[in-house]
N, C-alpha and C. Protein backbone atom coordinates (compact mmCIF):
# COMPACT_ATOMS: atom_id res chain seq x y z
N UNK A 1 101.32 78.16 73.70
CA UNK A 1 99.97 77.79 73.30
C UNK A 1 99.04 78.30 74.28
N UNK A 2 97.70 78.40 73.85
CA UNK A 2 96.72 79.09 74.63
C UNK A 2 95.58 78.05 74.88
N UNK A 3 94.54 78.45 75.62
CA UNK A 3 93.37 77.61 75.78
C UNK A 3 92.44 77.82 74.71
N UNK A 4 92.67 78.67 73.65
CA UNK A 4 91.82 78.85 72.53
C UNK A 4 91.98 77.62 71.69
N UNK A 5 91.02 77.46 70.72
CA UNK A 5 91.15 76.41 69.72
C UNK A 5 90.96 77.09 68.32
N UNK A 6 91.71 76.72 67.39
CA UNK A 6 91.55 77.25 66.02
C UNK A 6 90.97 76.13 65.19
N UNK A 7 89.90 76.43 64.46
CA UNK A 7 89.24 75.45 63.64
C UNK A 7 89.60 75.79 62.13
N UNK A 8 90.30 74.90 61.50
CA UNK A 8 90.54 75.03 60.09
C UNK A 8 89.93 73.85 59.31
N UNK A 9 90.13 73.83 58.06
CA UNK A 9 89.50 72.73 57.34
C UNK A 9 90.39 72.42 56.08
N UNK A 10 90.07 71.23 55.45
CA UNK A 10 90.80 70.83 54.32
C UNK A 10 90.51 71.70 53.07
N UNK A 11 89.37 72.38 53.08
CA UNK A 11 88.98 73.17 51.97
C UNK A 11 87.76 74.05 52.36
N UNK A 12 87.28 74.81 51.44
CA UNK A 12 86.05 75.64 51.77
C UNK A 12 84.78 74.61 51.65
N UNK A 13 83.87 74.95 52.57
CA UNK A 13 82.61 74.30 52.60
C UNK A 13 82.68 72.79 53.27
N UNK A 14 83.78 72.57 53.99
CA UNK A 14 83.91 71.24 54.57
C UNK A 14 83.17 71.01 55.87
N UNK A 15 82.79 72.18 56.42
CA UNK A 15 82.03 72.03 57.71
C UNK A 15 82.62 72.75 58.94
N UNK A 16 83.52 73.65 58.60
CA UNK A 16 84.26 74.38 59.76
C UNK A 16 83.25 75.15 60.68
N UNK A 17 82.27 75.80 60.03
CA UNK A 17 81.34 76.63 60.85
C UNK A 17 80.38 75.71 61.65
N UNK A 18 79.98 74.52 61.03
CA UNK A 18 79.24 73.61 61.89
C UNK A 18 79.99 73.12 63.04
N UNK A 19 81.24 72.64 62.83
CA UNK A 19 82.04 72.24 63.78
C UNK A 19 82.28 73.34 64.95
N UNK A 20 82.46 74.51 64.51
CA UNK A 20 82.67 75.62 65.41
C UNK A 20 81.46 75.83 66.31
N UNK A 21 80.25 75.74 65.69
CA UNK A 21 79.03 75.95 66.40
C UNK A 21 78.82 74.82 67.48
N UNK A 22 79.28 73.55 67.05
CA UNK A 22 79.19 72.48 68.00
C UNK A 22 80.04 72.72 69.24
N UNK A 23 81.34 73.19 68.95
CA UNK A 23 82.32 73.40 70.07
C UNK A 23 81.79 74.61 70.96
N UNK A 24 81.23 75.60 70.35
CA UNK A 24 80.71 76.72 71.19
C UNK A 24 79.54 76.24 72.02
N UNK A 25 78.65 75.41 71.50
CA UNK A 25 77.52 74.90 72.33
C UNK A 25 77.89 73.90 73.33
N UNK A 26 78.83 72.97 73.01
CA UNK A 26 79.23 71.86 73.90
C UNK A 26 80.16 72.29 74.91
N UNK A 27 81.13 73.20 74.58
CA UNK A 27 82.12 73.56 75.52
C UNK A 27 81.84 74.89 76.14
N UNK A 28 80.72 75.53 75.77
CA UNK A 28 80.36 76.84 76.19
C UNK A 28 81.49 77.90 76.09
N UNK A 29 81.97 77.90 74.88
CA UNK A 29 83.05 78.87 74.57
C UNK A 29 82.55 80.04 73.69
N UNK A 30 83.28 81.06 73.62
CA UNK A 30 82.94 82.15 72.74
C UNK A 30 83.45 81.83 71.34
N UNK A 31 83.02 82.62 70.35
CA UNK A 31 83.33 82.38 68.90
C UNK A 31 83.81 83.68 68.26
N UNK A 32 84.71 83.46 67.40
CA UNK A 32 85.48 84.57 66.59
C UNK A 32 85.89 84.09 65.30
N UNK A 33 85.48 84.80 64.18
CA UNK A 33 86.05 84.53 62.85
C UNK A 33 86.63 85.85 62.40
N UNK A 34 87.97 85.99 62.52
CA UNK A 34 88.67 87.22 62.22
C UNK A 34 88.45 87.80 60.80
N UNK A 35 88.49 86.79 59.85
CA UNK A 35 88.32 87.21 58.37
C UNK A 35 87.08 86.44 57.81
N UNK A 36 86.14 87.25 57.31
CA UNK A 36 84.92 86.75 56.76
C UNK A 36 84.81 87.19 55.33
N UNK A 37 84.58 86.31 54.41
CA UNK A 37 84.21 86.65 53.10
C UNK A 37 82.82 86.14 52.82
N UNK A 38 82.13 86.59 51.69
CA UNK A 38 80.86 86.15 51.35
C UNK A 38 79.77 86.66 52.31
N UNK A 39 79.99 87.89 52.84
CA UNK A 39 79.02 88.44 53.80
C UNK A 39 77.72 88.76 53.13
N UNK A 40 77.67 88.87 51.75
CA UNK A 40 76.49 89.12 51.12
C UNK A 40 75.46 88.05 51.26
N UNK A 41 75.92 86.80 51.63
CA UNK A 41 75.03 85.74 51.89
C UNK A 41 74.89 85.37 53.35
N UNK A 42 75.25 86.42 54.22
CA UNK A 42 75.31 86.21 55.71
C UNK A 42 76.61 85.74 56.14
N UNK A 43 76.78 85.87 57.42
CA UNK A 43 78.21 85.61 58.03
C UNK A 43 78.16 84.30 58.87
N UNK A 44 79.30 83.73 58.98
CA UNK A 44 79.41 82.53 59.79
C UNK A 44 79.17 82.85 61.27
N UNK A 45 79.47 84.04 61.65
CA UNK A 45 79.15 84.51 63.08
C UNK A 45 77.68 84.34 63.33
N UNK A 46 76.83 84.89 62.35
CA UNK A 46 75.44 84.76 62.46
C UNK A 46 74.95 83.24 62.52
N UNK A 47 75.56 82.48 61.64
CA UNK A 47 75.22 81.08 61.62
C UNK A 47 75.51 80.40 63.00
N UNK A 48 76.63 80.67 63.55
CA UNK A 48 77.02 80.10 64.79
C UNK A 48 76.06 80.54 65.93
N UNK A 49 75.71 81.82 65.87
CA UNK A 49 74.74 82.28 66.94
C UNK A 49 73.48 81.55 66.74
N UNK A 50 72.99 81.24 65.61
CA UNK A 50 71.71 80.52 65.45
C UNK A 50 71.83 79.15 65.86
N UNK A 51 72.84 78.53 65.31
CA UNK A 51 72.96 77.03 65.50
C UNK A 51 73.29 76.67 67.00
N UNK A 52 74.25 77.48 67.63
CA UNK A 52 74.64 77.16 68.98
C UNK A 52 73.67 77.83 69.90
N UNK A 53 72.77 78.68 69.53
CA UNK A 53 71.84 79.34 70.45
C UNK A 53 72.49 80.26 71.34
N UNK A 54 73.44 81.09 70.88
CA UNK A 54 74.16 82.05 71.72
C UNK A 54 73.85 83.43 71.28
N UNK A 55 73.92 84.43 72.21
CA UNK A 55 73.78 85.82 71.83
C UNK A 55 74.97 86.50 71.33
N UNK A 56 74.90 87.67 70.80
CA UNK A 56 76.10 88.23 70.22
C UNK A 56 77.15 88.56 71.19
N UNK A 57 76.95 88.67 72.43
CA UNK A 57 77.92 88.96 73.36
C UNK A 57 78.83 87.74 73.66
N UNK A 58 78.35 86.52 73.16
CA UNK A 58 79.25 85.41 73.24
C UNK A 58 80.06 85.22 72.00
N UNK A 59 80.07 86.13 71.15
CA UNK A 59 80.84 86.12 69.97
C UNK A 59 81.70 87.45 69.89
N UNK A 60 82.66 87.48 68.95
CA UNK A 60 83.46 88.71 68.71
C UNK A 60 83.32 89.11 67.33
N UNK A 61 83.30 90.37 67.07
CA UNK A 61 83.10 90.85 65.65
C UNK A 61 84.34 90.54 64.78
N UNK A 62 84.03 90.40 63.50
CA UNK A 62 85.15 90.24 62.51
C UNK A 62 86.00 91.44 62.50
N UNK A 63 87.31 91.19 62.21
CA UNK A 63 88.21 92.31 61.94
C UNK A 63 88.16 92.67 60.52
N UNK A 64 88.06 91.84 59.61
CA UNK A 64 87.95 92.07 58.16
C UNK A 64 86.72 91.32 57.72
N UNK A 65 85.84 92.00 57.05
CA UNK A 65 84.58 91.43 56.51
C UNK A 65 84.38 91.89 55.11
N UNK A 66 84.16 90.99 54.14
CA UNK A 66 84.03 91.33 52.76
C UNK A 66 82.68 90.72 52.17
N UNK A 67 82.18 91.35 51.17
CA UNK A 67 80.92 90.97 50.63
C UNK A 67 81.02 89.75 49.77
N UNK A 68 82.02 89.66 48.86
CA UNK A 68 82.01 88.65 47.90
C UNK A 68 82.56 87.32 48.44
N UNK A 69 81.99 86.17 48.00
CA UNK A 69 82.42 84.87 48.45
C UNK A 69 83.58 84.36 47.67
N UNK A 70 84.70 84.94 47.76
CA UNK A 70 85.98 84.58 47.14
C UNK A 70 87.01 84.47 48.18
N UNK A 71 88.30 84.13 47.71
CA UNK A 71 89.38 84.06 48.65
C UNK A 71 89.67 85.43 49.33
N UNK A 72 90.09 85.50 50.54
CA UNK A 72 90.28 86.75 51.27
C UNK A 72 91.13 87.73 50.49
N UNK A 73 92.18 87.28 49.78
CA UNK A 73 93.05 88.25 49.12
C UNK A 73 92.33 88.86 47.95
N UNK A 74 91.51 88.09 47.26
CA UNK A 74 90.73 88.61 46.11
C UNK A 74 89.60 89.54 46.63
N UNK A 75 88.89 89.16 47.71
CA UNK A 75 87.88 89.85 48.29
C UNK A 75 88.41 91.31 48.74
N UNK A 76 89.65 91.37 49.31
CA UNK A 76 90.15 92.61 49.74
C UNK A 76 90.58 93.43 48.53
N UNK A 77 91.08 92.82 47.49
CA UNK A 77 91.50 93.59 46.25
C UNK A 77 90.28 94.25 45.65
N UNK A 78 89.19 93.46 45.61
CA UNK A 78 87.98 93.98 44.99
C UNK A 78 87.40 95.21 45.79
N UNK A 79 87.69 95.29 47.02
CA UNK A 79 87.08 96.36 47.80
C UNK A 79 88.26 97.44 48.10
N UNK A 80 89.38 97.27 47.36
CA UNK A 80 90.52 98.21 47.51
C UNK A 80 90.99 98.37 48.97
N UNK A 81 91.11 97.28 49.54
CA UNK A 81 91.55 97.08 50.93
C UNK A 81 92.77 96.16 50.96
N UNK A 82 93.38 96.03 52.15
CA UNK A 82 94.51 95.12 52.30
C UNK A 82 94.36 94.45 53.71
N UNK A 83 94.49 93.17 53.73
CA UNK A 83 94.50 92.49 55.08
C UNK A 83 95.83 92.52 55.60
N UNK A 84 96.05 93.12 56.82
CA UNK A 84 97.25 93.23 57.48
C UNK A 84 97.25 92.30 58.74
N UNK A 85 98.14 91.41 58.75
CA UNK A 85 98.16 90.40 59.85
C UNK A 85 98.35 91.05 61.18
N UNK A 86 99.18 92.08 61.24
CA UNK A 86 99.47 92.76 62.47
C UNK A 86 98.33 93.45 63.16
N UNK A 87 97.28 93.75 62.29
CA UNK A 87 96.10 94.46 62.86
C UNK A 87 95.06 93.46 63.40
N UNK A 88 95.28 92.18 63.26
CA UNK A 88 94.27 91.21 63.75
C UNK A 88 94.77 90.81 65.20
N UNK A 89 94.20 91.38 66.13
CA UNK A 89 94.59 91.07 67.49
C UNK A 89 93.50 90.23 68.23
N UNK A 90 93.91 89.30 68.95
CA UNK A 90 92.88 88.54 69.77
C UNK A 90 92.16 89.47 70.68
N UNK A 91 90.84 89.31 70.79
CA UNK A 91 90.08 90.05 71.71
C UNK A 91 90.56 89.96 73.15
N UNK A 92 90.47 91.06 73.80
CA UNK A 92 90.89 91.06 75.24
C UNK A 92 89.77 90.42 76.06
N UNK A 93 89.74 89.13 76.03
CA UNK A 93 88.68 88.30 76.62
C UNK A 93 89.32 87.24 77.48
N UNK A 94 89.11 87.08 78.79
CA UNK A 94 89.67 86.03 79.62
C UNK A 94 89.19 84.65 79.31
N UNK A 95 88.10 84.54 78.59
CA UNK A 95 87.46 83.22 78.27
C UNK A 95 88.13 82.69 77.04
N UNK A 96 88.29 81.31 77.01
CA UNK A 96 88.74 80.66 75.73
C UNK A 96 87.79 80.92 74.56
N UNK A 97 88.38 81.03 73.42
CA UNK A 97 87.69 81.35 72.17
C UNK A 97 87.87 80.29 71.08
N UNK A 98 86.73 79.88 70.39
CA UNK A 98 86.85 79.11 69.26
C UNK A 98 87.10 80.04 68.04
N UNK A 99 88.26 80.01 67.47
CA UNK A 99 88.63 80.81 66.32
C UNK A 99 88.39 80.05 65.04
N UNK A 100 87.68 80.58 64.12
CA UNK A 100 87.41 79.82 62.90
C UNK A 100 88.24 80.56 61.74
N UNK A 101 88.94 79.79 61.03
CA UNK A 101 89.64 80.28 59.85
C UNK A 101 88.74 80.43 58.59
N UNK A 102 89.35 80.84 57.50
CA UNK A 102 88.49 80.93 56.25
C UNK A 102 89.23 80.06 55.22
N UNK A 103 88.46 79.10 54.62
CA UNK A 103 89.06 78.19 53.74
C UNK A 103 90.05 77.29 54.34
N UNK A 104 91.06 76.86 53.56
CA UNK A 104 92.07 75.93 53.97
C UNK A 104 93.38 76.75 54.48
N UNK A 105 94.35 75.98 54.80
CA UNK A 105 95.55 76.54 55.38
C UNK A 105 96.38 77.43 54.42
N UNK A 106 96.25 77.11 53.02
CA UNK A 106 97.07 77.86 52.10
C UNK A 106 96.18 78.86 51.24
N UNK A 107 95.04 79.18 51.85
CA UNK A 107 94.21 80.30 51.21
C UNK A 107 95.05 81.61 51.47
N UNK A 108 95.33 82.40 50.41
CA UNK A 108 96.06 83.67 50.61
C UNK A 108 95.23 84.73 51.21
N UNK A 109 95.82 85.50 52.18
CA UNK A 109 95.13 86.58 52.74
C UNK A 109 95.64 87.97 52.30
N UNK A 110 96.87 88.01 51.74
CA UNK A 110 97.41 89.19 51.03
C UNK A 110 98.37 88.69 50.08
N UNK A 111 99.27 89.58 49.65
CA UNK A 111 100.29 89.28 48.70
C UNK A 111 101.40 88.19 49.10
N UNK A 112 101.56 88.12 50.36
CA UNK A 112 102.63 87.25 50.82
C UNK A 112 102.31 86.32 52.04
N UNK A 113 101.13 86.35 52.57
CA UNK A 113 100.75 85.63 53.71
C UNK A 113 99.47 84.76 53.44
N UNK A 114 99.38 83.69 54.23
CA UNK A 114 98.34 82.65 54.02
C UNK A 114 97.61 82.50 55.35
N UNK A 115 96.49 81.84 55.30
CA UNK A 115 95.70 81.49 56.52
C UNK A 115 96.59 80.82 57.52
N UNK A 116 97.58 80.00 57.07
CA UNK A 116 98.45 79.34 58.04
C UNK A 116 99.26 80.42 58.85
N UNK A 117 99.57 81.57 58.27
CA UNK A 117 100.27 82.58 59.00
C UNK A 117 99.43 83.22 60.11
N UNK A 118 98.09 83.25 59.77
CA UNK A 118 97.07 83.74 60.84
C UNK A 118 97.03 82.75 62.00
N UNK A 119 97.06 81.46 61.67
CA UNK A 119 97.15 80.43 62.63
C UNK A 119 98.41 80.46 63.54
N UNK A 120 99.47 80.75 62.86
CA UNK A 120 100.72 80.81 63.57
C UNK A 120 100.77 82.07 64.42
N UNK A 121 100.05 83.16 63.93
CA UNK A 121 100.00 84.40 64.67
C UNK A 121 99.32 84.21 66.07
N UNK A 122 98.39 83.35 66.17
CA UNK A 122 97.63 83.07 67.46
C UNK A 122 98.31 81.86 68.27
N UNK A 123 98.88 80.96 67.55
CA UNK A 123 99.46 79.73 68.19
C UNK A 123 98.61 79.02 69.02
N UNK A 124 97.36 78.91 68.70
CA UNK A 124 96.37 78.09 69.38
C UNK A 124 96.40 76.67 68.78
N UNK A 125 96.12 75.63 69.65
CA UNK A 125 96.01 74.25 69.06
C UNK A 125 94.96 74.22 67.96
N UNK A 126 95.20 73.42 66.99
CA UNK A 126 94.42 73.44 65.76
C UNK A 126 93.54 72.19 65.63
N UNK A 127 92.31 72.28 65.26
CA UNK A 127 91.35 71.17 65.07
C UNK A 127 91.10 71.20 63.46
N UNK A 128 91.33 70.13 62.87
CA UNK A 128 91.01 70.13 61.37
C UNK A 128 89.71 69.42 61.11
N UNK A 129 88.89 70.15 60.38
CA UNK A 129 87.59 69.60 59.82
C UNK A 129 87.87 69.02 58.48
N UNK A 130 87.59 67.72 58.35
CA UNK A 130 87.85 67.03 57.07
C UNK A 130 86.62 66.22 56.62
N UNK A 131 86.49 66.13 55.23
CA UNK A 131 85.42 65.39 54.77
C UNK A 131 85.63 63.76 54.92
N UNK A 132 84.69 63.04 54.81
CA UNK A 132 84.70 61.61 54.89
C UNK A 132 84.81 60.89 53.57
N UNK A 133 84.61 61.69 52.47
CA UNK A 133 84.42 61.01 51.12
C UNK A 133 85.86 60.87 50.47
N UNK A 134 85.75 60.35 49.22
CA UNK A 134 86.97 60.16 48.38
C UNK A 134 87.86 61.47 48.25
N UNK A 135 89.05 61.27 48.47
CA UNK A 135 89.99 62.45 48.29
C UNK A 135 90.34 63.04 49.67
N UNK A 136 89.71 62.65 50.66
CA UNK A 136 89.98 63.24 52.00
C UNK A 136 91.33 62.77 52.62
N UNK A 137 91.79 61.66 52.21
CA UNK A 137 93.08 61.25 52.83
C UNK A 137 94.20 62.22 52.44
N UNK A 138 94.29 62.43 51.09
CA UNK A 138 95.25 63.37 50.56
C UNK A 138 95.08 64.72 51.10
N UNK A 139 93.92 65.28 51.12
CA UNK A 139 93.71 66.64 51.51
C UNK A 139 93.96 66.81 53.06
N UNK A 140 93.61 65.81 53.81
CA UNK A 140 93.83 65.90 55.26
C UNK A 140 95.25 65.69 55.63
N UNK A 141 95.96 64.84 55.01
CA UNK A 141 97.36 64.66 55.40
C UNK A 141 98.21 65.90 54.98
N UNK A 142 97.88 66.42 53.79
CA UNK A 142 98.55 67.72 53.45
C UNK A 142 98.30 68.83 54.43
N UNK A 143 97.09 68.92 54.91
CA UNK A 143 96.75 69.90 55.84
C UNK A 143 97.47 69.76 57.23
N UNK A 144 97.45 68.52 57.69
CA UNK A 144 98.04 68.17 58.98
C UNK A 144 99.49 68.42 58.92
N UNK A 145 100.24 67.96 57.85
CA UNK A 145 101.66 68.12 57.76
C UNK A 145 102.06 69.59 57.63
N UNK A 146 101.25 70.44 56.97
CA UNK A 146 101.49 71.80 56.82
C UNK A 146 101.39 72.48 58.19
N UNK A 147 100.40 72.18 58.94
CA UNK A 147 100.28 72.75 60.30
C UNK A 147 101.43 72.29 61.24
N UNK A 148 101.91 71.09 61.15
CA UNK A 148 102.98 70.65 62.00
C UNK A 148 104.27 71.35 61.61
N UNK A 149 104.42 71.49 60.25
CA UNK A 149 105.62 72.15 59.75
C UNK A 149 105.73 73.58 60.15
N UNK A 150 104.54 74.16 60.46
CA UNK A 150 104.57 75.54 60.94
C UNK A 150 104.83 75.63 62.42
N UNK A 151 105.03 74.53 63.05
CA UNK A 151 105.33 74.49 64.52
C UNK A 151 104.16 74.57 65.39
N UNK A 152 102.94 74.21 64.85
CA UNK A 152 101.73 74.35 65.68
C UNK A 152 101.27 72.90 66.09
N UNK A 153 100.47 72.87 67.13
CA UNK A 153 99.93 71.58 67.56
C UNK A 153 98.66 71.25 66.79
N UNK A 154 98.58 70.10 66.26
CA UNK A 154 97.32 69.59 65.68
C UNK A 154 96.61 68.74 66.82
N UNK A 155 95.57 69.36 67.38
CA UNK A 155 94.94 68.62 68.43
C UNK A 155 94.14 67.42 67.98
N UNK A 156 93.66 67.48 66.71
CA UNK A 156 93.09 66.26 66.12
C UNK A 156 92.23 66.63 64.95
N UNK A 157 91.63 65.59 64.28
CA UNK A 157 90.89 65.73 63.10
C UNK A 157 89.44 65.38 63.40
N UNK A 158 88.45 66.17 62.93
CA UNK A 158 87.06 65.78 63.09
C UNK A 158 86.57 65.45 61.61
N UNK A 159 86.01 64.24 61.46
CA UNK A 159 85.51 63.86 60.16
C UNK A 159 84.03 64.32 60.06
N UNK A 160 83.65 65.02 59.00
CA UNK A 160 82.40 65.67 58.78
C UNK A 160 81.71 64.90 57.67
N UNK A 161 80.55 64.34 57.89
CA UNK A 161 79.76 63.62 56.88
C UNK A 161 79.50 62.18 57.22
N UNK A 162 79.11 61.37 56.30
CA UNK A 162 78.80 59.99 56.59
C UNK A 162 80.03 59.22 56.97
N UNK A 163 79.94 58.37 57.95
CA UNK A 163 81.06 57.61 58.49
C UNK A 163 81.77 56.77 57.35
N UNK A 164 83.11 56.87 57.40
CA UNK A 164 83.86 56.09 56.50
C UNK A 164 84.98 55.52 57.26
N UNK A 165 84.98 54.21 57.68
CA UNK A 165 85.98 53.74 58.57
C UNK A 165 87.29 53.56 57.91
N UNK A 166 87.30 53.21 56.65
CA UNK A 166 88.60 53.05 55.86
C UNK A 166 89.38 54.38 55.90
N UNK A 167 88.74 55.45 55.52
CA UNK A 167 89.38 56.79 55.50
C UNK A 167 89.79 57.24 56.81
N UNK A 168 89.04 56.88 57.81
CA UNK A 168 89.36 57.35 59.24
C UNK A 168 90.69 56.57 59.61
N UNK A 169 90.73 55.26 59.35
CA UNK A 169 91.92 54.50 59.83
C UNK A 169 93.16 54.95 58.96
N UNK A 170 93.02 55.35 57.68
CA UNK A 170 94.09 55.71 56.86
C UNK A 170 94.68 57.09 57.45
N UNK A 171 93.82 57.93 57.75
CA UNK A 171 94.29 59.36 58.23
C UNK A 171 95.05 59.13 59.51
N UNK A 172 94.57 58.29 60.50
CA UNK A 172 95.19 58.14 61.68
C UNK A 172 96.52 57.40 61.47
N UNK A 173 96.57 56.49 60.55
CA UNK A 173 97.76 55.69 60.40
C UNK A 173 98.92 56.49 59.71
N UNK A 174 98.55 57.11 58.60
CA UNK A 174 99.57 57.84 57.76
C UNK A 174 99.78 59.24 58.25
N UNK A 175 98.85 59.78 59.02
CA UNK A 175 99.07 61.14 59.44
C UNK A 175 99.58 61.10 60.86
N UNK A 176 99.55 60.03 61.58
CA UNK A 176 99.97 59.96 63.00
C UNK A 176 99.12 60.93 63.83
N UNK A 177 97.89 61.07 63.49
CA UNK A 177 96.95 62.07 64.17
C UNK A 177 95.73 61.39 64.59
N UNK A 178 95.12 61.96 65.63
CA UNK A 178 93.91 61.36 66.24
C UNK A 178 92.70 61.87 65.50
N UNK A 179 91.72 60.97 65.27
CA UNK A 179 90.41 61.39 64.92
C UNK A 179 89.67 61.57 66.17
N UNK A 180 89.32 62.90 66.49
CA UNK A 180 88.79 63.24 67.84
C UNK A 180 87.35 63.39 67.79
N UNK A 181 86.75 63.22 66.64
CA UNK A 181 85.26 63.42 66.52
C UNK A 181 84.72 63.03 65.19
N UNK A 182 83.38 62.72 65.19
CA UNK A 182 82.65 62.40 63.94
C UNK A 182 81.42 63.25 63.99
N UNK A 183 81.26 64.08 62.98
CA UNK A 183 80.09 65.04 62.93
C UNK A 183 79.26 64.74 61.65
N UNK A 184 78.19 64.14 61.89
CA UNK A 184 77.36 63.86 60.63
C UNK A 184 76.51 65.11 60.19
N UNK A 185 76.09 65.23 58.96
CA UNK A 185 75.25 66.24 58.60
C UNK A 185 73.95 66.05 59.21
N UNK A 186 73.41 67.16 59.82
CA UNK A 186 72.25 67.14 60.66
C UNK A 186 71.01 67.67 59.96
N UNK A 187 69.89 67.07 60.17
CA UNK A 187 68.67 67.62 59.55
C UNK A 187 68.23 68.86 60.32
N UNK A 188 68.41 68.90 61.60
CA UNK A 188 68.12 70.02 62.39
C UNK A 188 69.30 70.47 63.20
N UNK A 189 69.79 71.69 63.02
CA UNK A 189 70.99 72.14 63.71
C UNK A 189 70.55 73.06 64.81
N UNK A 190 70.70 72.56 66.06
CA UNK A 190 70.32 73.27 67.30
C UNK A 190 71.18 72.83 68.42
N UNK A 191 71.18 73.58 69.49
CA UNK A 191 72.08 73.29 70.67
C UNK A 191 71.82 71.78 71.20
N UNK A 192 70.65 71.30 71.41
CA UNK A 192 70.48 69.95 71.87
C UNK A 192 71.20 68.89 70.88
N UNK A 193 70.91 69.00 69.62
CA UNK A 193 71.49 68.10 68.69
C UNK A 193 72.99 68.23 68.65
N UNK A 194 73.55 69.35 68.69
CA UNK A 194 75.07 69.57 68.64
C UNK A 194 75.65 68.94 69.90
N UNK A 195 75.07 69.21 71.09
CA UNK A 195 75.60 68.68 72.33
C UNK A 195 75.42 67.17 72.37
N UNK A 196 74.40 66.62 71.84
CA UNK A 196 74.27 65.18 71.73
C UNK A 196 75.31 64.60 70.81
N UNK A 197 75.65 65.17 69.69
CA UNK A 197 76.70 64.65 68.85
C UNK A 197 78.06 64.65 69.59
N UNK A 198 78.25 65.72 70.22
CA UNK A 198 79.55 65.87 71.01
C UNK A 198 79.63 64.77 72.04
N UNK A 199 78.57 64.50 72.78
CA UNK A 199 78.61 63.48 73.83
C UNK A 199 78.76 62.14 73.31
N UNK A 200 78.22 61.83 72.09
CA UNK A 200 78.19 60.47 71.54
C UNK A 200 79.36 60.22 70.59
N UNK A 201 79.88 61.24 69.99
CA UNK A 201 80.76 60.98 68.91
C UNK A 201 82.22 61.62 69.00
N UNK A 202 82.41 62.38 70.16
CA UNK A 202 83.67 63.10 70.27
C UNK A 202 84.51 62.56 71.46
N UNK A 203 85.84 62.61 71.29
CA UNK A 203 86.70 62.23 72.34
C UNK A 203 86.93 63.33 73.29
N UNK A 204 86.33 63.16 74.50
CA UNK A 204 86.35 64.35 75.42
C UNK A 204 87.74 64.75 75.93
N UNK A 205 88.61 63.79 75.93
CA UNK A 205 90.02 64.12 76.52
C UNK A 205 90.69 65.15 75.65
N UNK A 206 90.37 65.16 74.36
CA UNK A 206 90.95 66.15 73.44
C UNK A 206 90.61 67.60 73.69
N UNK A 207 89.59 67.79 74.60
CA UNK A 207 89.11 69.06 74.89
C UNK A 207 89.20 69.49 76.36
N UNK A 208 89.88 68.60 77.11
CA UNK A 208 90.01 68.79 78.55
C UNK A 208 90.91 69.99 78.83
């Protein structure tokens, strides 16, 4: 295992990039998203730079970047390219990195590999971004069990959205996993707000 952290989610649009920006701002870590789709609408790297208030040198460039907002394997096919896991190498950087995945753990990246294989490639502890709304128990438990079955450490789950104590308790009970943070949707996303949420709503021991 490494001092890096890998941020995944239960599905697309769950709040992985917002969580990544929070960790970059609060922990003063660098950011990297190896595979980016949907670049026609801007990149998550650009969003993290804006939200966390960091310059480009505090981030690393994508290895694969595609225009269309579709699954990585489809985006690559549309551009007549192939995502090869062995070409995705961690940047030679002594500082710990927040690595953000694309979509959920079973999003395909090519004909035979998934995002979970990329996570296993780096072997960094994983933080799962999960929704707070109906359906999150099933999605979160499936994600947590898949990560564990891959032999990786689940550092914890961060609930994104309006607080739901019942769902929180169920995930901890049935998943045997810690809820290490609660991240509400923010009206203004900036470094002070992100750091305030981390101080007030996150379990610091999970990031020591």
